[in-house]
PDB file of all heavy atoms in Angstrom:
ATOM      1  N   VAL A   1      -9.900  -4.576  -5.518  1.00  0.00           N
ATOM      2  CA  VAL A   1      -8.946  -4.226  -4.521  1.00  0.00           C
ATOM      3  C   VAL A   1      -9.758  -4.003  -3.244  1.00  0.00           C
ATOM      4  O   VAL A   1     -10.889  -3.601  -3.255  1.00  0.00           O
ATOM      5  CB  VAL A   1      -8.207  -2.930  -4.874  1.00  0.00           C
ATOM      6  CG1 VAL A   1      -9.083  -1.735  -5.065  1.00  0.00           C
ATOM      7  CG2 VAL A   1      -7.078  -2.673  -3.880  1.00  0.00           C
ATOM      8  N   ILE A   2      -9.133  -4.344  -2.104  1.00  0.00           N
ATOM      9  CA  ILE A   2      -9.835  -4.148  -0.800  1.00  0.00           C
ATOM     10  C   ILE A   2      -8.844  -3.684   0.250  1.00  0.00           C
ATOM     11  O   ILE A   2      -7.699  -4.182   0.243  1.00  0.00           O
ATOM     12  CB  ILE A   2     -10.525  -5.543  -0.400  1.00  0.00           C
ATOM     13  CG1 ILE A   2     -11.312  -5.277   0.902  1.00  0.00           C
ATOM     14  CG2 ILE A   2      -9.519  -6.649  -0.262  1.00  0.00           C
ATOM     15  CD1 ILE A   2     -12.128  -6.532   1.262  1.00  0.00           C
ATOM     16  N   GLN A   3      -9.309  -2.854   1.160  1.00  0.00           N
ATOM     17  CA  GLN A   3      -8.541  -2.531   2.308  1.00  0.00           C
ATOM     18  C   GLN A   3      -8.894  -3.558   3.433  1.00  0.00           C
ATOM     19  O   GLN A   3     -10.034  -3.742   3.724  1.00  0.00           O
ATOM     20  CB  GLN A   3      -8.809  -1.121   2.727  1.00  0.00           C
ATOM     21  CG  GLN A   3      -8.053  -0.682   4.047  1.00  0.00           C
ATOM     22  CD  GLN A   3      -8.422   0.742   4.402  1.00  0.00           C
ATOM     23  OE1 GLN A   3      -8.294   1.647   3.590  1.00  0.00           O
ATOM     24  NE2 GLN A   3      -8.855   0.940   5.627  1.00  0.00           N
ATOM     25  N   VAL A   4      -7.866  -4.144   4.120  1.00  0.00           N
ATOM     26  CA  VAL A   4      -8.032  -5.045   5.192  1.00  0.00           C
ATOM     27  C   VAL A   4      -7.197  -4.418   6.336  1.00  0.00           C
ATOM     28  O   VAL A   4      -5.989  -4.722   6.436  1.00  0.00           O
ATOM     29  CB  VAL A   4      -7.630  -6.427   4.849  1.00  0.00           C
ATOM     30  CG1 VAL A   4      -7.918  -7.383   6.053  1.00  0.00           C
ATOM     31  CG2 VAL A   4      -8.358  -6.950   3.583  1.00  0.00           C
ATOM     32  N   PHE A   5      -7.819  -3.612   7.143  1.00  0.00           N
ATOM     33  CA  PHE A   5      -7.125  -2.902   8.218  1.00  0.00           C
ATOM     34  C   PHE A   5      -5.936  -2.124   7.641  1.00  0.00           C
ATOM     35  O   PHE A   5      -6.164  -1.225   6.790  1.00  0.00           O
ATOM     36  CB  PHE A   5      -6.717  -3.832   9.283  1.00  0.00           C
ATOM     37  CG  PHE A   5      -7.913  -4.393  10.051  1.00  0.00           C
ATOM     38  CD1 PHE A   5      -8.366  -5.648   9.725  1.00  0.00           C
ATOM     39  CD2 PHE A   5      -8.563  -3.705  11.016  1.00  0.00           C
ATOM     40  CE1 PHE A   5      -9.505  -6.187  10.368  1.00  0.00           C
ATOM     41  CE2 PHE A   5      -9.669  -4.207  11.709  1.00  0.00           C
ATOM     42  CZ  PHE A   5     -10.111  -5.423  11.338  1.00  0.00           C
ATOM     43  N   ASP A   6      -4.695  -2.483   7.924  1.00  0.00           N
ATOM     44  CA  ASP A   6      -3.520  -1.703   7.434  1.00  0.00           C
ATOM     45  C   ASP A   6      -3.091  -2.197   6.048  1.00  0.00           C
ATOM     46  O   ASP A   6      -2.217  -1.586   5.417  1.00  0.00           O
ATOM     47  CB  ASP A   6      -2.360  -1.769   8.416  1.00  0.00           C
ATOM     48  CG  ASP A   6      -2.727  -1.168   9.713  1.00  0.00           C
ATOM     49  OD1 ASP A   6      -3.509  -0.173   9.753  1.00  0.00           O
ATOM     50  OD2 ASP A   6      -2.174  -1.560  10.727  1.00  0.00           O
ATOM     51  N   LEU A   7      -3.594  -3.369   5.631  1.00  0.00           N
ATOM     52  CA  LEU A   7      -3.155  -3.928   4.360  1.00  0.00           C
ATOM     53  C   LEU A   7      -4.005  -3.501   3.247  1.00  0.00           C
ATOM     54  O   LEU A   7      -5.244  -3.135   3.400  1.00  0.00           O
ATOM     55  CB  LEU A   7      -3.138  -5.488   4.453  1.00  0.00           C
ATOM     56  CG  LEU A   7      -2.067  -6.210   5.186  1.00  0.00           C
ATOM     57  CD1 LEU A   7      -2.323  -7.689   5.141  1.00  0.00           C
ATOM     58  CD2 LEU A   7      -0.725  -5.910   4.528  1.00  0.00           C
ATOM     59  N   THR A   8      -3.491  -3.646   2.034  1.00  0.00           N
ATOM     60  CA  THR A   8      -4.258  -3.613   0.769  1.00  0.00           C
ATOM     61  C   THR A   8      -4.110  -4.870   0.023  1.00  0.00           C
ATOM     62  O   THR A   8      -2.962  -5.416  -0.052  1.00  0.00           O
ATOM     63  CB  THR A   8      -3.770  -2.357  -0.101  1.00  0.00           C
ATOM     64  OG1 THR A   8      -3.959  -1.178   0.553  1.00  0.00           O
ATOM     65  CG2 THR A   8      -4.519  -2.318  -1.387  1.00  0.00           C
ATOM     66  N   ALA A   9      -5.210  -5.363  -0.407  1.00  0.00           N
ATOM     67  CA  ALA A   9      -5.146  -6.677  -1.116  1.00  0.00           C
ATOM     68  C   ALA A   9      -5.843  -6.508  -2.470  1.00  0.00           C
ATOM     69  O   ALA A   9      -6.969  -5.870  -2.516  1.00  0.00           O
ATOM     70  CB  ALA A   9      -5.790  -7.813  -0.319  1.00  0.00           C
ATOM     71  N   ALA A  10      -5.217  -7.005  -3.552  1.00  0.00           N
ATOM     72  CA  ALA A  10      -5.797  -6.775  -4.875  1.00  0.00           C
ATOM     73  C   ALA A  10      -5.615  -7.980  -5.695  1.00  0.00           C
ATOM     74  O   ALA A  10      -4.674  -8.811  -5.481  1.00  0.00           O
ATOM     75  CB  ALA A  10      -5.131  -5.576  -5.569  1.00  0.00           C
ATOM     76  N   VAL A  11      -6.486  -8.121  -6.700  1.00  0.00           N
ATOM     77  CA  VAL A  11      -6.490  -9.349  -7.592  1.00  0.00           C
ATOM     78  C   VAL A  11      -6.949  -8.989  -8.962  1.00  0.00           C
ATOM     79  O   VAL A  11      -7.729  -8.113  -9.120  1.00  0.00           O
ATOM     80  CB  VAL A  11      -7.303 -10.501  -6.898  1.00  0.00           C
ATOM     81  CG1 VAL A  11      -8.786 -10.060  -6.868  1.00  0.00           C
ATOM     82  CG2 VAL A  11      -7.205 -11.781  -7.667  1.00  0.00           C
ATOM     83  N   THR A  12      -6.383  -9.675  -9.956  1.00  0.00           N
ATOM     84  CA  THR A  12      -6.921  -9.640 -11.299  1.00  0.00           C
ATOM     85  C   THR A  12      -6.804 -10.944 -11.985  1.00  0.00           C
ATOM     86  O   THR A  12      -5.861 -11.754 -11.659  1.00  0.00           O
ATOM     87  CB  THR A  12      -6.249  -8.493 -12.111  1.00  0.00           C
ATOM     88  OG1 THR A  12      -6.931  -8.323 -13.335  1.00  0.00           O
ATOM     89  CG2 THR A  12      -4.771  -8.852 -12.383  1.00  0.00           C
ATOM     90  N   GLY A  13      -7.668 -11.241 -12.958  1.00  0.00           N
ATOM     91  CA  GLY A  13      -7.561 -12.460 -13.706  1.00  0.00           C
ATOM     92  C   GLY A  13      -7.986 -13.685 -12.802  1.00  0.00           C
ATOM     93  O   GLY A  13      -8.837 -13.517 -11.962  1.00  0.00           O
ATOM     94  N   ILE A  14      -7.435 -14.850 -13.046  1.00  0.00           N
ATOM     95  CA  ILE A  14      -7.682 -16.035 -12.263  1.00  0.00           C
ATOM     96  C   ILE A  14      -6.550 -16.402 -11.398  1.00  0.00           C
ATOM     97  O   ILE A  14      -5.340 -15.988 -11.665  1.00  0.00           O
ATOM     98  CB  ILE A  14      -8.064 -17.263 -13.200  1.00  0.00           C
ATOM     99  CG1 ILE A  14      -6.803 -17.632 -14.103  1.00  0.00           C
ATOM    100  CG2 ILE A  14      -9.268 -16.929 -14.081  1.00  0.00           C
ATOM    101  CD1 ILE A  14      -7.041 -18.977 -14.801  1.00  0.00           C
ATOM    102  N   ASN A  15      -6.882 -17.147 -10.324  1.00  0.00           N
ATOM    103  CA  ASN A  15      -5.821 -17.526  -9.397  1.00  0.00           C
ATOM    104  C   ASN A  15      -5.311 -18.907  -9.773  1.00  0.00           C
ATOM    105  O   ASN A  15      -5.825 -19.569 -10.708  1.00  0.00           O
ATOM    106  CB  ASN A  15      -6.285 -17.468  -7.971  1.00  0.00           C
ATOM    107  CG  ASN A  15      -7.475 -18.327  -7.691  1.00  0.00           C
ATOM    108  OD1 ASN A  15      -7.783 -19.285  -8.383  1.00  0.00           O
ATOM    109  ND2 ASN A  15      -8.259 -17.934  -6.658  1.00  0.00           N
ATOM    110  N   GLU A  16      -4.348 -19.472  -9.093  1.00  0.00           N
ATOM    111  CA  GLU A  16      -3.817 -20.771  -9.356  1.00  0.00           C
ATOM    112  C   GLU A  16      -4.825 -21.856  -9.143  1.00  0.00           C
ATOM    113  O   GLU A  16      -4.872 -22.831  -9.920  1.00  0.00           O
ATOM    114  CB  GLU A  16      -2.576 -21.018  -8.501  1.00  0.00           C
ATOM    115  CG  GLU A  16      -1.838 -22.293  -8.783  1.00  0.00           C
ATOM    116  CD  GLU A  16      -0.636 -22.495  -7.913  1.00  0.00           C
ATOM    117  OE1 GLU A  16      -0.504 -21.780  -6.857  1.00  0.00           O
ATOM    118  OE2 GLU A  16       0.191 -23.370  -8.156  1.00  0.00           O
ATOM    119  N   THR A  17      -5.650 -21.729  -8.065  1.00  0.00           N
ATOM    120  CA  THR A  17      -6.670 -22.708  -7.824  1.00  0.00           C
ATOM    121  C   THR A  17      -7.596 -22.862  -8.932  1.00  0.00           C
ATOM    122  O   THR A  17      -8.011 -23.994  -9.371  1.00  0.00           O
ATOM    123  CB  THR A  17      -7.441 -22.273  -6.527  1.00  0.00           C
ATOM    124  OG1 THR A  17      -6.444 -22.088  -5.482  1.00  0.00           O
ATOM    125  CG2 THR A  17      -8.435 -23.356  -6.126  1.00  0.00           C
ATOM    126  N   THR A  18      -8.033 -21.752  -9.570  1.00  0.00           N
ATOM    127  CA  THR A  18      -8.938 -21.771 -10.681  1.00  0.00           C
ATOM    128  C   THR A  18      -8.376 -22.413 -11.846  1.00  0.00           C
ATOM    129  O   THR A  18      -8.929 -23.151 -12.660  1.00  0.00           O
ATOM    130  CB  THR A  18      -9.516 -20.354 -11.005  1.00  0.00           C
ATOM    131  OG1 THR A  18     -10.213 -19.852  -9.873  1.00  0.00           O
ATOM    132  CG2 THR A  18     -10.405 -20.420 -12.179  1.00  0.00           C
ATOM    133  N   ALA A  19      -7.045 -21.987 -12.081  1.00  0.00           N
ATOM    134  CA  ALA A  19      -6.372 -22.599 -13.284  1.00  0.00           C
ATOM    135  C   ALA A  19      -6.281 -24.110 -13.192  1.00  0.00           C
ATOM    136  O   ALA A  19      -6.484 -24.859 -14.153  1.00  0.00           O
ATOM    137  CB  ALA A  19      -4.952 -22.002 -13.381  1.00  0.00           C
ATOM    138  N   GLN A  20      -6.017 -24.589 -11.967  1.00  0.00           N
ATOM    139  CA  GLN A  20      -5.943 -26.073 -11.728  1.00  0.00           C
ATOM    140  C   GLN A  20      -7.280 -26.666 -12.033  1.00  0.00           C
ATOM    141  O   GLN A  20      -7.421 -27.779 -12.666  1.00  0.00           O
ATOM    142  CB  GLN A  20      -5.460 -26.383 -10.373  1.00  0.00           C
ATOM    143  CG  GLN A  20      -3.965 -26.001 -10.191  1.00  0.00           C
ATOM    144  CD  GLN A  20      -3.570 -26.155  -8.665  1.00  0.00           C
ATOM    145  OE1 GLN A  20      -4.385 -26.325  -7.819  1.00  0.00           O
ATOM    146  NE2 GLN A  20      -2.248 -26.159  -8.454  1.00  0.00           N
ATOM    147  N   ARG A  21      -8.352 -26.035 -11.546  1.00  0.00           N
ATOM    148  CA  ARG A  21      -9.732 -26.570 -11.730  1.00  0.00           C
ATOM    149  C   ARG A  21     -10.124 -26.671 -13.240  1.00  0.00           C
ATOM    150  O   ARG A  21     -10.802 -27.623 -13.610  1.00  0.00           O
ATOM    151  CB  ARG A  21     -10.735 -25.704 -10.973  1.00  0.00           C
ATOM    152  CG  ARG A  21     -12.208 -26.094 -11.200  1.00  0.00           C
ATOM    153  CD  ARG A  21     -13.124 -25.170 -10.460  1.00  0.00           C
ATOM    154  NE  ARG A  21     -13.095 -23.829 -10.775  1.00  0.00           N
ATOM    155  CZ  ARG A  21     -13.727 -23.290 -11.838  1.00  0.00           C
ATOM    156  NH1 ARG A  21     -14.471 -24.111 -12.639  1.00  0.00           N
ATOM    157  NH2 ARG A  21     -13.623 -21.993 -12.151  1.00  0.00           N
ATOM    158  N   LEU A  22      -9.614 -25.709 -13.995  1.00  0.00           N
ATOM    159  CA  LEU A  22      -9.905 -25.637 -15.360  1.00  0.00           C
ATOM    160  C   LEU A  22      -8.991 -26.508 -16.227  1.00  0.00           C
ATOM    161  O   LEU A  22      -9.162 -26.553 -17.487  1.00  0.00           O
ATOM    162  CB  LEU A  22      -9.942 -24.212 -15.894  1.00  0.00           C
ATOM    163  CG  LEU A  22     -11.001 -23.290 -15.238  1.00  0.00           C
ATOM    164  CD1 LEU A  22     -10.816 -21.899 -15.757  1.00  0.00           C
ATOM    165  CD2 LEU A  22     -12.413 -23.765 -15.591  1.00  0.00           C
ATOM    166  N   GLY A  23      -7.996 -27.199 -15.592  1.00  0.00           N
ATOM    167  CA  GLY A  23      -7.038 -27.916 -16.324  1.00  0.00           C
ATOM    168  C   GLY A  23      -6.024 -27.166 -17.072  1.00  0.00           C
ATOM    169  O   GLY A  23      -5.338 -27.685 -18.007  1.00  0.00           O
ATOM    170  N   ILE A  24      -5.803 -25.901 -16.693  1.00  0.00           N
ATOM    171  CA  ILE A  24      -4.761 -25.093 -17.330  1.00  0.00           C
ATOM    172  C   ILE A  24      -3.377 -25.423 -16.737  1.00  0.00           C
ATOM    173  O   ILE A  24      -3.275 -25.411 -15.459  1.00  0.00           O
ATOM    174  CB  ILE A  24      -5.072 -23.572 -17.231  1.00  0.00           C
ATOM    175  CG1 ILE A  24      -6.413 -23.282 -17.887  1.00  0.00           C
ATOM    176  CG2 ILE A  24      -3.953 -22.771 -17.820  1.00  0.00           C
ATOM    177  CD1 ILE A  24      -6.911 -21.844 -17.631  1.00  0.00           C
ATOM    178  N   GLN A  25      -2.439 -25.672 -17.480  1.00  0.00           N
ATOM    179  CA  GLN A  25      -1.073 -25.933 -17.022  1.00  0.00           C
ATOM    180  C   GLN A  25      -0.474 -24.613 -16.551  1.00  0.00           C
ATOM    181  O   GLN A  25       0.105 -23.902 -17.430  1.00  0.00           O
ATOM    182  CB  GLN A  25      -0.229 -26.662 -18.046  1.00  0.00           C
ATOM    183  CG  GLN A  25      -0.717 -28.026 -18.425  1.00  0.00           C
ATOM    184  CD  GLN A  25      -0.735 -28.957 -17.208  1.00  0.00           C
ATOM    185  OE1 GLN A  25       0.315 -29.164 -16.483  1.00  0.00           O
ATOM    186  NE2 GLN A  25      -1.854 -29.587 -16.882  1.00  0.00           N
ATOM    187  N   ALA A  26      -0.491 -24.295 -15.277  1.00  0.00           N
ATOM    188  CA  ALA A  26      -0.068 -22.977 -14.817  1.00  0.00           C
ATOM    189  C   ALA A  26       1.098 -23.149 -13.842  1.00  0.00           C
ATOM    190  O   ALA A  26       1.360 -24.184 -13.213  1.00  0.00           O
ATOM    191  CB  ALA A  26      -1.240 -22.257 -14.094  1.00  0.00           C
ATOM    192  N   ASP A  27       1.861 -22.031 -13.839  1.00  0.00           N
ATOM    193  CA  ASP A  27       3.040 -21.958 -12.904  1.00  0.00           C
ATOM    194  C   ASP A  27       2.858 -20.541 -12.230  1.00  0.00           C
ATOM    195  O   ASP A  27       2.047 -19.694 -12.708  1.00  0.00           O
ATOM    196  CB  ASP A  27       4.316 -22.078 -13.608  1.00  0.00           C
ATOM    197  CG  ASP A  27       5.453 -22.476 -12.576  1.00  0.00           C
ATOM    198  OD1 ASP A  27       5.216 -22.421 -11.357  1.00  0.00           O
ATOM    199  OD2 ASP A  27       6.535 -22.787 -13.059  1.00  0.00           O
ATOM    200  N   THR A  28       3.589 -20.334 -11.188  1.00  0.00           N
ATOM    201  CA  THR A  28       3.487 -19.036 -10.534  1.00  0.00           C
ATOM    202  C   THR A  28       4.876 -18.519 -10.149  1.00  0.00           C
ATOM    203  O   THR A  28       5.871 -19.279  -9.976  1.00  0.00           O
ATOM    204  CB  THR A  28       2.664 -19.128  -9.254  1.00  0.00           C
ATOM    205  OG1 THR A  28       3.346 -19.980  -8.250  1.00  0.00           O
ATOM    206  CG2 THR A  28       1.247 -19.676  -9.471  1.00  0.00           C
ATOM    207  N   VAL A  29       4.994 -17.207 -10.008  1.00  0.00           N
ATOM    208  CA  VAL A  29       6.159 -16.647  -9.246  1.00  0.00           C
ATOM    209  C   VAL A  29       5.638 -15.880  -8.065  1.00  0.00           C
ATOM    210  O   VAL A  29       4.576 -15.211  -8.184  1.00  0.00           O
ATOM    211  CB  VAL A  29       6.944 -15.743 -10.230  1.00  0.00           C
ATOM    212  CG1 VAL A  29       7.639 -16.567 -11.287  1.00  0.00           C
ATOM    213  CG2 VAL A  29       6.213 -14.613 -10.801  1.00  0.00           C
ATOM    214  N   VAL A  30       6.310 -15.998  -6.912  1.00  0.00           N
ATOM    215  CA  VAL A  30       5.979 -15.269  -5.718  1.00  0.00           C
ATOM    216  C   VAL A  30       7.225 -14.454  -5.387  1.00  0.00           C
ATOM    217  O   VAL A  30       8.348 -14.950  -5.246  1.00  0.00           O
ATOM    218  CB  VAL A  30       5.622 -16.195  -4.546  1.00  0.00           C
ATOM    219  CG1 VAL A  30       5.319 -15.408  -3.324  1.00  0.00           C
ATOM    220  CG2 VAL A  30       4.370 -17.054  -4.950  1.00  0.00           C
ATOM    221  N   LEU A  31       6.957 -13.136  -5.199  1.00  0.00           N
ATOM    222  CA  LEU A  31       8.092 -12.220  -4.915  1.00  0.00           C
ATOM    223  C   LEU A  31       7.646 -11.236  -3.806  1.00  0.00           C
ATOM    224  O   LEU A  31       6.478 -10.995  -3.665  1.00  0.00           O
ATOM    225  CB  LEU A  31       8.607 -11.512  -6.088  1.00  0.00           C
ATOM    226  CG  LEU A  31       7.655 -10.644  -6.928  1.00  0.00           C
ATOM    227  CD1 LEU A  31       8.476  -9.628  -7.742  1.00  0.00           C
ATOM    228  CD2 LEU A  31       6.838 -11.506  -7.922  1.00  0.00           C
ATOM    229  N   SER A  32       8.619 -10.727  -3.118  1.00  0.00           N
ATOM    230  CA  SER A  32       8.347  -9.793  -2.018  1.00  0.00           C
ATOM    231  C   SER A  32       9.204  -8.526  -2.187  1.00  0.00           C
ATOM    232  O   SER A  32      10.107  -8.326  -1.431  1.00  0.00           O
ATOM    233  CB  SER A  32       8.667 -10.450  -0.656  1.00  0.00           C
ATOM    234  OG  SER A  32       7.838 -11.623  -0.485  1.00  0.00           O
TER     235      SER A  32
END
């Protein structure tokens, strides 16, 4: 997790880009 001025950004596991590189058939959901 990182603070970027007023925002907080956090990540866990792999992202979609990495999944594609590894040949994993991945999908995503994006919600707000």
